Amino acid sequence: MASAKSKTIYVDEIPAIVFIPLRSRSLMASQAGVLEIHEASERLSFFSIRNHRIPKDKLDRTFWIPPTTTFSRLL
């Protein structure tokens, strides 16, 4: 099996999708938000979402990784 080539990606290169247009009643605004997600997914395969209204404590509980865990142990 061939392995994927890695690429260094800097934080400022990660698309930050603003979630507000996706909650809009405007079809054009919603479509623009969906297109932005699609393009980010095609280009880098991931993105961050801003203004999603999910409380920080809930995110912290959901994505918490013990400090002794190394990335290789998660794979």
N, C-alpha and C. Protein backbone atom coordinates (compact mmCIF):
# COMPACT_ATOMS: atom_id res chain seq x y z
N MET A 1 0.84 -1.17 0.00
CA MET A 1 0.00 0.00 0.00
C MET A 1 0.89 1.24 0.00
N ALA A 2 0.61 2.18 -0.86
CA ALA A 2 1.38 3.42 -0.93
C ALA A 2 0.98 4.34 0.21
N SER A 3 1.95 5.04 0.75
CA SER A 3 1.65 5.98 1.82
C SER A 3 1.45 7.38 1.25
N ALA A 4 0.65 8.17 1.93
CA ALA A 4 0.38 9.53 1.48
C ALA A 4 1.57 10.43 1.79
N LYS A 5 1.80 11.38 0.93
CA LYS A 5 2.88 12.34 1.17
C LYS A 5 2.37 13.40 2.14
N SER A 6 3.24 13.77 3.07
CA SER A 6 2.84 14.79 4.03
C SER A 6 3.21 16.17 3.52
N LYS A 7 2.50 17.16 4.02
CA LYS A 7 2.74 18.53 3.64
C LYS A 7 2.60 19.39 4.89
N THR A 8 3.50 20.32 5.07
CA THR A 8 3.41 21.23 6.20
C THR A 8 2.36 22.28 5.89
N ILE A 9 1.43 22.45 6.82
CA ILE A 9 0.39 23.46 6.68
C ILE A 9 0.48 24.38 7.89
N TYR A 10 0.59 25.65 7.65
CA TYR A 10 0.67 26.62 8.73
C TYR A 10 -0.74 27.04 9.15
N VAL A 11 -0.88 27.41 10.40
CA VAL A 11 -2.20 27.75 10.96
C VAL A 11 -2.91 28.81 10.13
N ASP A 12 -2.19 29.79 9.66
CA ASP A 12 -2.85 30.86 8.89
C ASP A 12 -3.29 30.41 7.50
N GLU A 13 -2.95 29.20 7.09
CA GLU A 13 -3.40 28.66 5.81
C GLU A 13 -4.70 27.86 5.94
N ILE A 14 -5.08 27.54 7.16
CA ILE A 14 -6.30 26.76 7.38
C ILE A 14 -7.51 27.66 7.20
N PRO A 15 -8.41 27.31 6.29
CA PRO A 15 -9.59 28.15 6.08
C PRO A 15 -10.44 28.22 7.35
N ALA A 16 -10.86 29.43 7.70
CA ALA A 16 -11.74 29.63 8.85
C ALA A 16 -13.11 30.01 8.31
N ILE A 17 -14.02 29.05 8.34
CA ILE A 17 -15.37 29.25 7.81
C ILE A 17 -16.21 29.95 8.87
N VAL A 18 -16.85 31.06 8.49
CA VAL A 18 -17.76 31.75 9.40
C VAL A 18 -19.13 31.12 9.24
N PHE A 19 -19.66 30.61 10.35
CA PHE A 19 -20.87 29.80 10.31
C PHE A 19 -22.15 30.62 10.15
N ILE A 20 -22.11 31.90 10.39
CA ILE A 20 -23.31 32.73 10.35
C ILE A 20 -24.08 32.62 9.03
N PRO A 21 -23.43 32.67 7.85
CA PRO A 21 -24.21 32.56 6.61
C PRO A 21 -25.00 31.25 6.49
N LEU A 22 -24.52 30.19 7.11
CA LEU A 22 -25.23 28.91 7.01
C LEU A 22 -26.52 28.91 7.82
N ARG A 23 -26.64 29.84 8.78
CA ARG A 23 -27.87 29.96 9.55
C ARG A 23 -28.81 31.01 8.95
N SER A 24 -28.39 31.61 7.89
CA SER A 24 -29.15 32.69 7.27
C SER A 24 -30.41 32.17 6.59
N ARG A 25 -31.40 33.02 6.51
CA ARG A 25 -32.62 32.67 5.77
C ARG A 25 -32.44 32.96 4.29
N SER A 26 -31.32 33.57 3.95
CA SER A 26 -31.03 33.88 2.55
C SER A 26 -30.43 32.65 1.87
N LEU A 27 -31.07 32.21 0.82
CA LEU A 27 -30.57 31.05 0.08
C LEU A 27 -29.18 31.33 -0.49
N MET A 28 -28.96 32.54 -0.99
CA MET A 28 -27.65 32.87 -1.57
C MET A 28 -26.55 32.84 -0.51
N ALA A 29 -26.84 33.35 0.68
CA ALA A 29 -25.84 33.34 1.75
C ALA A 29 -25.54 31.91 2.18
N SER A 30 -26.57 31.08 2.29
CA SER A 30 -26.37 29.68 2.67
C SER A 30 -25.55 28.95 1.62
N GLN A 31 -25.88 29.16 0.35
CA GLN A 31 -25.15 28.50 -0.72
C GLN A 31 -23.69 28.94 -0.74
N ALA A 32 -23.44 30.22 -0.46
CA ALA A 32 -22.06 30.72 -0.42
C ALA A 32 -21.29 30.04 0.70
N GLY A 33 -21.93 29.84 1.85
CA GLY A 33 -21.28 29.16 2.97
C GLY A 33 -20.98 27.71 2.65
N VAL A 34 -21.91 27.05 2.01
CA VAL A 34 -21.71 25.64 1.62
C VAL A 34 -20.59 25.54 0.60
N LEU A 35 -20.55 26.45 -0.35
CA LEU A 35 -19.48 26.45 -1.36
C LEU A 35 -18.12 26.67 -0.70
N GLU A 36 -18.07 27.54 0.29
CA GLU A 36 -16.81 27.80 1.00
C GLU A 36 -16.32 26.53 1.71
N ILE A 37 -17.23 25.80 2.34
CA ILE A 37 -16.87 24.53 2.99
C ILE A 37 -16.40 23.51 1.95
N HIS A 38 -17.10 23.43 0.84
CA HIS A 38 -16.73 22.49 -0.22
C HIS A 38 -15.32 22.79 -0.74
N GLU A 39 -15.04 24.05 -1.02
CA GLU A 39 -13.73 24.42 -1.55
C GLU A 39 -12.61 24.14 -0.54
N ALA A 40 -12.88 24.43 0.74
CA ALA A 40 -11.87 24.16 1.77
C ALA A 40 -11.63 22.65 1.89
N SER A 41 -12.68 21.89 1.78
CA SER A 41 -12.56 20.43 1.88
C SER A 41 -11.78 19.85 0.70
N GLU A 42 -12.02 20.38 -0.46
CA GLU A 42 -11.31 19.92 -1.65
C GLU A 42 -9.83 20.30 -1.59
N ARG A 43 -9.54 21.49 -1.10
CA ARG A 43 -8.16 22.00 -1.11
C ARG A 43 -7.31 21.38 -0.01
N LEU A 44 -7.80 21.35 1.23
CA LEU A 44 -6.97 20.88 2.35
C LEU A 44 -7.56 19.69 3.09
N SER A 45 -8.78 19.37 2.84
CA SER A 45 -9.49 18.28 3.50
C SER A 45 -9.93 18.61 4.92
N PHE A 46 -9.68 19.82 5.37
CA PHE A 46 -10.19 20.23 6.68
C PHE A 46 -10.24 21.76 6.75
N PHE A 47 -10.92 22.26 7.78
CA PHE A 47 -11.11 23.69 7.97
C PHE A 47 -11.55 23.91 9.41
N SER A 48 -11.55 25.16 9.84
CA SER A 48 -12.09 25.47 11.17
C SER A 48 -13.39 26.24 10.98
N ILE A 49 -14.25 26.16 11.95
CA ILE A 49 -15.54 26.86 11.89
C ILE A 49 -15.58 27.90 12.99
N ARG A 50 -15.94 29.12 12.62
CA ARG A 50 -16.04 30.23 13.57
C ARG A 50 -17.50 30.63 13.73
N ASN A 51 -17.81 31.21 14.88
CA ASN A 51 -19.17 31.71 15.17
C ASN A 51 -20.22 30.60 15.09
N HIS A 52 -19.90 29.44 15.63
CA HIS A 52 -20.79 28.29 15.58
C HIS A 52 -21.74 28.23 16.77
N ARG A 53 -21.50 29.02 17.78
CA ARG A 53 -22.34 29.11 18.99
C ARG A 53 -22.29 27.86 19.87
N ILE A 54 -21.29 27.02 19.71
CA ILE A 54 -21.12 25.87 20.60
C ILE A 54 -20.28 26.35 21.78
N PRO A 55 -20.79 26.19 23.02
CA PRO A 55 -20.04 26.67 24.18
C PRO A 55 -18.65 26.02 24.28
N LYS A 56 -17.65 26.83 24.68
CA LYS A 56 -16.28 26.34 24.78
C LYS A 56 -16.16 25.15 25.71
N ASP A 57 -16.88 25.16 26.84
CA ASP A 57 -16.76 24.03 27.78
C ASP A 57 -17.25 22.73 27.15
N LYS A 58 -18.26 22.80 26.29
CA LYS A 58 -18.74 21.60 25.61
C LYS A 58 -17.69 21.11 24.60
N LEU A 59 -17.07 22.02 23.89
CA LEU A 59 -16.00 21.63 22.96
C LEU A 59 -14.83 21.01 23.71
N ASP A 60 -14.48 21.62 24.84
CA ASP A 60 -13.36 21.10 25.64
C ASP A 60 -13.65 19.68 26.12
N ARG A 61 -14.87 19.41 26.53
CA ARG A 61 -15.23 18.06 26.99
C ARG A 61 -15.25 17.07 25.82
N THR A 62 -15.69 17.52 24.68
CA THR A 62 -15.82 16.64 23.51
C THR A 62 -14.47 16.25 22.93
N PHE A 63 -13.56 17.21 22.85
CA PHE A 63 -12.29 16.98 22.17
C PHE A 63 -11.11 16.90 23.12
N TRP A 64 -11.36 16.62 24.38
CA TRP A 64 -10.28 16.54 25.36
C TRP A 64 -9.44 15.28 25.14
N ILE A 65 -8.13 15.46 25.13
CA ILE A 65 -7.19 14.35 25.00
C ILE A 65 -6.29 14.39 26.23
N PRO A 66 -6.14 13.28 26.93
CA PRO A 66 -5.28 13.27 28.11
C PRO A 66 -3.87 13.76 27.78
N PRO A 67 -3.26 14.53 28.67
CA PRO A 67 -1.92 15.09 28.40
C PRO A 67 -0.85 14.04 28.14
N THR A 68 -1.02 12.83 28.63
CA THR A 68 0.00 11.80 28.43
C THR A 68 -0.16 11.06 27.11
N THR A 69 -1.22 11.35 26.37
CA THR A 69 -1.48 10.67 25.11
C THR A 69 -0.63 11.30 24.00
N THR A 70 0.03 10.47 23.23
CA THR A 70 0.77 10.98 22.08
C THR A 70 -0.05 10.75 20.84
N PHE A 71 0.20 11.54 19.83
CA PHE A 71 -0.58 11.45 18.60
C PHE A 71 -0.49 10.05 18.00
N SER A 72 0.66 9.44 18.01
CA SER A 72 0.81 8.12 17.39
C SER A 72 -0.05 7.07 18.10
N ARG A 73 -0.32 7.27 19.39
CA ARG A 73 -1.18 6.31 20.11
C ARG A 73 -2.63 6.48 19.74
N LEU A 74 -3.01 7.62 19.15
CA LEU A 74 -4.38 7.85 18.76
C LEU A 74 -4.72 7.20 17.41
N LEU A 75 -3.70 6.89 16.64
CA LEU A 75 -3.94 6.34 15.29
C LEU A 75 -4.28 4.87 15.32
